[in-house]
Structure formats: C-alpha cells, structure tokens
C-alpha cells in the first residue's frame, strides 16, 4: 500500500507545479488599484457597522429607560 502512496506523491506535486504555471499574476498597477479598493470598502463597511452599533445601543438605552 505504501508503494502506491509513494508513487502518487510525485504525480501530485507535478500537477501542482503545472497548475502554478497557469496562474497569471496581476501587474503592479492592478494590484495597487485592488488594494486601494479593499481598504476603501473595509473603511466604509467599518463605518457603517459603527453607525449601526451606535444607533442600536442608543435605541436599546431609550427603550429601557422607561
């Protein structure tokens, strides 16, 4: 059984190497644009969640002060 496992390992790594050669990496400009987009979306999402948290916190506080 170990012989069949040992024979499959080189084939697996050969397949991985073959697949890695197919990857097209983005150039520097595209990477910069995508990174900026991720940062902006993260900031906007964080601000939205902070606003919701603030509103929910004060809404619950308003309802429980009666």
PDB file of N, CA and C in Angstrom:
ATOM      1  N   UNK A   1       0.819  -1.189   0.000  1.00  0.00           N
ATOM      2  CA  UNK A   1       0.000   0.000   0.000  1.00  0.00           C
ATOM      3  C   UNK A   1       0.865   1.256   0.000  1.00  0.00           C
ATOM      4  N   UNK A   2       1.994   1.238   0.690  1.00  0.00           N
ATOM      5  CA  UNK A   2       2.836   2.428   0.749  1.00  0.00           C
ATOM      6  C   UNK A   2       3.471   2.718  -0.608  1.00  0.00           C
ATOM      7  N   UNK A   3       3.654   1.683  -1.450  1.00  0.00           N
ATOM      8  CA  UNK A   3       4.216   1.923  -2.772  1.00  0.00           C
ATOM      9  C   UNK A   3       3.289   2.787  -3.619  1.00  0.00           C
ATOM     10  N   UNK A   4       1.974   2.520  -3.548  1.00  0.00           N
ATOM     11  CA  UNK A   4       1.040   3.302  -4.357  1.00  0.00           C
ATOM     12  C   UNK A   4       0.968   4.740  -3.849  1.00  0.00           C
ATOM     13  N   UNK A   5       1.086   4.940  -2.545  1.00  0.00           N
ATOM     14  CA  UNK A   5       1.082   6.287  -1.992  1.00  0.00           C
ATOM     15  C   UNK A   5       2.349   7.016  -2.413  1.00  0.00           C
ATOM     16  N   UNK A   6       3.480   6.335  -2.370  1.00  0.00           N
ATOM     17  CA  UNK A   6       4.754   6.952  -2.749  1.00  0.00           C
ATOM     18  C   UNK A   6       4.764   7.329  -4.230  1.00  0.00           C
ATOM     19  N   UNK A   7       4.100   6.537  -5.062  1.00  0.00           N
ATOM     20  CA  UNK A   7       4.054   6.833  -6.492  1.00  0.00           C
ATOM     21  C   UNK A   7       3.132   8.013  -6.803  1.00  0.00           C
ATOM     22  N   UNK A   8       2.146   8.237  -5.954  1.00  0.00           N
ATOM     23  CA  UNK A   8       1.192   9.315  -6.189  1.00  0.00           C
ATOM     24  C   UNK A   8       1.758  10.679  -5.790  1.00  0.00           C
ATOM     25  N   UNK A   9       2.689  10.711  -4.843  1.00  0.00           N
ATOM     26  CA  UNK A   9       3.232  11.997  -4.388  1.00  0.00           C
ATOM     27  C   UNK A   9       3.908  12.782  -5.509  1.00  0.00           C
ATOM     28  N   UNK A  10       4.829  12.171  -6.277  1.00  0.00           N
ATOM     29  CA  UNK A  10       5.452  12.950  -7.366  1.00  0.00           C
ATOM     30  C   UNK A  10       4.430  13.422  -8.403  1.00  0.00           C
ATOM     31  N   UNK A  11       3.449  12.602  -8.679  1.00  0.00           N
ATOM     32  CA  UNK A  11       2.421  12.995  -9.644  1.00  0.00           C
ATOM     33  C   UNK A  11       1.615  14.174  -9.114  1.00  0.00           C
ATOM     34  N   UNK A  12       1.328  14.171  -7.819  1.00  0.00           N
ATOM     35  CA  UNK A  12       0.581  15.268  -7.213  1.00  0.00           C
ATOM     36  C   UNK A  12       1.367  16.568  -7.333  1.00  0.00           C
ATOM     37  N   UNK A  13       2.650  16.538  -6.956  1.00  0.00           N
ATOM     38  CA  UNK A  13       3.463  17.745  -6.995  1.00  0.00           C
ATOM     39  C   UNK A  13       3.721  18.209  -8.427  1.00  0.00           C
ATOM     40  N   UNK A  14       3.780  17.283  -9.360  1.00  0.00           N
ATOM     41  CA  UNK A  14       3.914  17.655 -10.766  1.00  0.00           C
ATOM     42  C   UNK A  14       2.648  18.379 -11.226  1.00  0.00           C
ATOM     43  N   UNK A  15       1.498  17.903 -10.758  1.00  0.00           N
ATOM     44  CA  UNK A  15       0.232  18.568 -11.091  1.00  0.00           C
ATOM     45  C   UNK A  15       0.152  19.955 -10.478  1.00  0.00           C
ATOM     46  N   UNK A  16       0.616  20.087  -9.243  1.00  0.00           N
ATOM     47  CA  UNK A  16       0.625  21.394  -8.591  1.00  0.00           C
ATOM     48  C   UNK A  16       1.524  22.360  -9.358  1.00  0.00           C
ATOM     49  N   UNK A  17       2.695  21.896  -9.735  1.00  0.00           N
ATOM     50  CA  UNK A  17       3.635  22.734 -10.497  1.00  0.00           C
ATOM     51  C   UNK A  17       3.010  23.157 -11.819  1.00  0.00           C
ATOM     52  N   UNK A  18       2.351  22.245 -12.480  1.00  0.00           N
ATOM     53  CA  UNK A  18       1.706  22.541 -13.753  1.00  0.00           C
ATOM     54  C   UNK A  18       0.617  23.599 -13.577  1.00  0.00           C
ATOM     55  N   UNK A  19      -0.173  23.486 -12.515  1.00  0.00           N
ATOM     56  CA  UNK A  19      -1.241  24.453 -12.268  1.00  0.00           C
ATOM     57  C   UNK A  19      -0.683  25.820 -11.895  1.00  0.00           C
ATOM     58  N   UNK A  20       0.405  25.849 -11.135  1.00  0.00           N
ATOM     59  CA  UNK A  20       1.011  27.128 -10.758  1.00  0.00           C
ATOM     60  C   UNK A  20       1.534  27.888 -11.976  1.00  0.00           C
ATOM     61  N   UNK A  21       1.959  27.170 -13.002  1.00  0.00           N
ATOM     62  CA  UNK A  21       2.440  27.820 -14.220  1.00  0.00           C
ATOM     63  C   UNK A  21       1.309  28.494 -14.985  1.00  0.00           C
ATOM     64  N   UNK A  22       0.064  28.079 -14.754  1.00  0.00           N
ATOM     65  CA  UNK A  22      -1.086  28.642 -15.453  1.00  0.00           C
ATOM     66  C   UNK A  22      -1.567  29.954 -14.846  1.00  0.00           C
ATOM     67  N   UNK A  23      -1.099  30.284 -13.658  1.00  0.00           N
ATOM     68  CA  UNK A  23      -1.564  31.487 -12.968  1.00  0.00           C
ATOM     69  C   UNK A  23      -1.032  32.727 -13.673  1.00  0.00           C
ATOM     70  N   UNK A  24      -1.925  33.693 -13.878  1.00  0.00           N
ATOM     71  CA  UNK A  24      -1.497  34.992 -14.399  1.00  0.00           C
ATOM     72  C   UNK A  24      -1.612  35.990 -13.253  1.00  0.00           C
ATOM     73  N   UNK A  25      -0.486  36.467 -12.792  1.00  0.00           N
ATOM     74  CA  UNK A  25      -0.461  37.389 -11.663  1.00  0.00           C
ATOM     75  C   UNK A  25      -0.747  38.799 -12.149  1.00  0.00           C
ATOM     76  N   UNK A  26      -1.469  39.598 -11.335  1.00  0.00           N
ATOM     77  CA  UNK A  26      -1.749  40.981 -11.747  1.00  0.00           C
ATOM     78  C   UNK A  26      -0.473  41.818 -11.727  1.00  0.00           C
ATOM     79  N   UNK A  27      -0.456  42.828 -12.570  1.00  0.00           N
ATOM     80  CA  UNK A  27       0.715  43.715 -12.567  1.00  0.00           C
ATOM     81  C   UNK A  27       0.620  44.691 -11.386  1.00  0.00           C
ATOM     82  N   UNK A  28       1.645  45.482 -11.212  1.00  0.00           N
ATOM     83  CA  UNK A  28       1.744  46.371 -10.050  1.00  0.00           C
ATOM     84  C   UNK A  28       0.578  47.362  -9.991  1.00  0.00           C
ATOM     85  N   UNK A  29       0.195  47.924 -11.134  1.00  0.00           N
ATOM     86  CA  UNK A  29      -0.887  48.906 -11.174  1.00  0.00           C
ATOM     87  C   UNK A  29      -2.220  48.286 -10.763  1.00  0.00           C
ATOM     88  N   UNK A  30      -2.525  47.111 -11.297  1.00  0.00           N
ATOM     89  CA  UNK A  30      -3.773  46.430 -10.931  1.00  0.00           C
ATOM     90  C   UNK A  30      -3.782  46.070  -9.448  1.00  0.00           C
ATOM     91  N   UNK A  31      -2.644  45.599  -8.943  1.00  0.00           N
ATOM     92  CA  UNK A  31      -2.564  45.233  -7.531  1.00  0.00           C
ATOM     93  C   UNK A  31      -2.801  46.449  -6.646  1.00  0.00           C
ATOM     94  N   UNK A  32      -2.235  47.594  -7.025  1.00  0.00           N
ATOM     95  CA  UNK A  32      -2.422  48.823  -6.255  1.00  0.00           C
ATOM     96  C   UNK A  32      -3.892  49.241  -6.260  1.00  0.00           C
ATOM     97  N   UNK A  33      -4.526  49.210  -7.425  1.00  0.00           N
ATOM     98  CA  UNK A  33      -5.947  49.575  -7.524  1.00  0.00           C
ATOM     99  C   UNK A  33      -6.819  48.651  -6.678  1.00  0.00           C
ATOM    100  N   UNK A  34      -6.560  47.358  -6.745  1.00  0.00           N
ATOM    101  CA  UNK A  34      -7.348  46.399  -5.984  1.00  0.00           C
ATOM    102  C   UNK A  34      -7.120  46.561  -4.483  1.00  0.00           C
ATOM    103  N   UNK A  35      -5.895  46.850  -4.083  1.00  0.00           N
ATOM    104  CA  UNK A  35      -5.592  47.054  -2.674  1.00  0.00           C
ATOM    105  C   UNK A  35      -6.298  48.292  -2.137  1.00  0.00           C
ATOM    106  N   UNK A  36      -6.295  49.364  -2.926  1.00  0.00           N
ATOM    107  CA  UNK A  36      -6.993  50.587  -2.514  1.00  0.00           C
ATOM    108  C   UNK A  36      -8.491  50.324  -2.397  1.00  0.00           C
ATOM    109  N   UNK A  37      -9.038  49.571  -3.339  1.00  0.00           N
ATOM    110  CA  UNK A  37     -10.464  49.240  -3.294  1.00  0.00           C
ATOM    111  C   UNK A  37     -10.798  48.448  -2.033  1.00  0.00           C
ATOM    112  N   UNK A  38      -9.951  47.513  -1.665  1.00  0.00           N
ATOM    113  CA  UNK A  38     -10.188  46.707  -0.462  1.00  0.00           C
ATOM    114  C   UNK A  38     -10.148  47.587   0.784  1.00  0.00           C
ATOM    115  N   UNK A  39      -9.181  48.492   0.855  1.00  0.00           N
ATOM    116  CA  UNK A  39      -9.070  49.377   2.013  1.00  0.00           C
ATOM    117  C   UNK A  39     -10.294  50.294   2.110  1.00  0.00           C
ATOM    118  N   UNK A  40     -10.706  50.876   0.982  1.00  0.00           N
ATOM    119  CA  UNK A  40     -11.856  51.784   0.987  1.00  0.00           C
ATOM    120  C   UNK A  40     -13.131  51.044   1.388  1.00  0.00           C
ATOM    121  N   UNK A  41     -13.358  49.887   0.817  1.00  0.00           N
ATOM    122  CA  UNK A  41     -14.560  49.111   1.155  1.00  0.00           C
ATOM    123  C   UNK A  41     -14.530  48.703   2.630  1.00  0.00           C
ATOM    124  N   UNK A  42     -13.360  48.355   3.147  1.00  0.00           N
ATOM    125  CA  UNK A  42     -13.240  47.985   4.554  1.00  0.00           C
ATOM    126  C   UNK A  42     -13.562  49.166   5.465  1.00  0.00           C
ATOM    127  N   UNK A  43     -13.081  50.348   5.114  1.00  0.00           N
ATOM    128  CA  UNK A  43     -13.360  51.538   5.924  1.00  0.00           C
ATOM    129  C   UNK A  43     -14.843  51.885   5.891  1.00  0.00           C
ATOM    130  N   UNK A  44     -15.433  51.841   4.709  1.00  0.00           N
ATOM    131  CA  UNK A  44     -16.866  52.152   4.581  1.00  0.00           C
ATOM    132  C   UNK A  44     -17.702  51.138   5.360  1.00  0.00           C
ATOM    133  N   UNK A  45     -17.369  49.870   5.247  1.00  0.00           N
ATOM    134  CA  UNK A  45     -18.101  48.828   5.973  1.00  0.00           C
ATOM    135  C   UNK A  45     -17.944  49.006   7.477  1.00  0.00           C
ATOM    136  N   UNK A  46     -16.734  49.301   7.924  1.00  0.00           N
ATOM    137  CA  UNK A  46     -16.499  49.539   9.348  1.00  0.00           C
ATOM    138  C   UNK A  46     -17.284  50.731   9.859  1.00  0.00           C
ATOM    139  N   UNK A  47     -17.333  51.819   9.091  1.00  0.00           N
ATOM    140  CA  UNK A  47     -18.102  52.998   9.488  1.00  0.00           C
ATOM    141  C   UNK A  47     -19.591  52.682   9.557  1.00  0.00           C
ATOM    142  N   UNK A  48     -20.079  51.903   8.600  1.00  0.00           N
ATOM    143  CA  UNK A  48     -21.497  51.523   8.598  1.00  0.00           C
ATOM    144  C   UNK A  48     -21.837  50.674   9.818  1.00  0.00           C
ATOM    145  N   UNK A  49     -20.988  49.720  10.140  1.00  0.00           N
ATOM    146  CA  UNK A  49     -21.221  48.865  11.315  1.00  0.00           C
ATOM    147  C   UNK A  49     -21.147  49.690  12.597  1.00  0.00           C
ATOM    148  N   UNK A  50     -20.199  50.648  12.669  1.00  0.00           N
ATOM    149  CA  UNK A  50     -20.094  51.516  13.842  1.00  0.00           C
ATOM    150  C   UNK A  50     -21.356  52.362  13.998  1.00  0.00           C
ATOM    151  N   UNK A  51     -21.879  52.884  12.893  1.00  0.00           N
ATOM    152  CA  UNK A  51     -23.114  53.670  12.944  1.00  0.00           C
ATOM    153  C   UNK A  51     -24.292  52.819  13.412  1.00  0.00           C
ATOM    154  N   UNK A  52     -24.412  51.622  12.872  1.00  0.00           N
ATOM    155  CA  UNK A  52     -25.477  50.715  13.314  1.00  0.00           C
ATOM    156  C   UNK A  52     -25.348  50.396  14.801  1.00  0.00           C
ATOM    157  N   UNK A  53     -24.138  50.133  15.246  1.00  0.00           N
ATOM    158  CA  UNK A  53     -23.900  49.832  16.656  1.00  0.00           C
ATOM    159  C   UNK A  53     -24.336  51.009  17.532  1.00  0.00           C
ATOM    160  N   UNK A  54     -23.968  52.223  17.120  1.00  0.00           N
ATOM    161  CA  UNK A  54     -24.338  53.427  17.863  1.00  0.00           C
ATOM    162  C   UNK A  54     -25.853  53.567  17.939  1.00  0.00           C
ATOM    163  N   UNK A  55     -26.514  53.416  16.789  1.00  0.00           N
ATOM    164  CA  UNK A  55     -27.973  53.565  16.754  1.00  0.00           C
ATOM    165  C   UNK A  55     -28.678  52.494  17.579  1.00  0.00           C
ATOM    166  N   UNK A  56     -28.230  51.261  17.472  1.00  0.00           N
ATOM    167  CA  UNK A  56     -28.854  50.172  18.234  1.00  0.00           C
ATOM    168  C   UNK A  56     -28.612  50.366  19.730  1.00  0.00           C
ATOM    169  N   UNK A  57     -27.407  50.755  20.103  1.00  0.00           N
ATOM    170  CA  UNK A  57     -27.085  50.981  21.514  1.00  0.00           C
ATOM    171  C   UNK A  57     -27.986  52.059  22.099  1.00  0.00           C
ATOM    172  N   UNK A  58     -28.126  53.183  21.416  1.00  0.00           N
ATOM    173  CA  UNK A  58     -28.970  54.263  21.937  1.00  0.00           C
ATOM    174  C   UNK A  58     -30.448  53.915  21.844  1.00  0.00           C
ATOM    175  N   UNK A  59     -30.837  53.131  20.843  1.00  0.00           N
ATOM    176  CA  UNK A  59     -32.228  52.692  20.756  1.00  0.00           C
ATOM    177  C   UNK A  59     -32.607  51.779  21.916  1.00  0.00           C
ATOM    178  N   UNK A  60     -31.716  50.844  22.250  1.00  0.00           N
ATOM    179  CA  UNK A  60     -31.974  49.944  23.389  1.00  0.00           C
ATOM    180  C   UNK A  60     -31.972  50.743  24.693  1.00  0.00           C
ATOM    181  N   UNK A  61     -31.044  51.681  24.805  1.00  0.00           N
ATOM    182  CA  UNK A  61     -30.971  52.520  26.013  1.00  0.00           C
ATOM    183  C   UNK A  61     -32.259  53.344  26.158  1.00  0.00           C
ATOM    184  N   UNK A  62     -32.761  53.887  25.047  1.00  0.00           N
ATOM    185  CA  UNK A  62     -34.001  54.657  25.065  1.00  0.00           C
ATOM    186  C   UNK A  62     -35.175  53.790  25.512  1.00  0.00           C
ATOM    187  N   UNK A  63     -35.236  52.564  24.979  1.00  0.00           N
ATOM    188  CA  UNK A  63     -36.352  51.689  25.309  1.00  0.00           C
ATOM    189  C   UNK A  63     -36.300  51.180  26.748  1.00  0.00           C
ATOM    190  N   UNK A  64     -35.123  51.060  27.332  1.00  0.00           N
ATOM    191  CA  UNK A  64     -35.009  50.500  28.680  1.00  0.00           C
ATOM    192  C   UNK A  64     -35.022  51.569  29.763  1.00  0.00           C
ATOM    193  N   UNK A  65     -35.121  52.840  29.408  1.00  0.00           N
ATOM    194  CA  UNK A  65     -35.131  53.881  30.441  1.00  0.00           C
ATOM    195  C   UNK A  65     -36.537  54.235  30.902  1.00  0.00           C
ATOM    196  N   UNK A  66     -37.558  53.596  30.364  1.00  0.00           N
ATOM    197  CA  UNK A  66     -38.939  53.885  30.795  1.00  0.00           C
ATOM    198  C   UNK A  66     -39.206  53.260  32.120  1.00  0.00           C
TER     199      UNK A  66
END
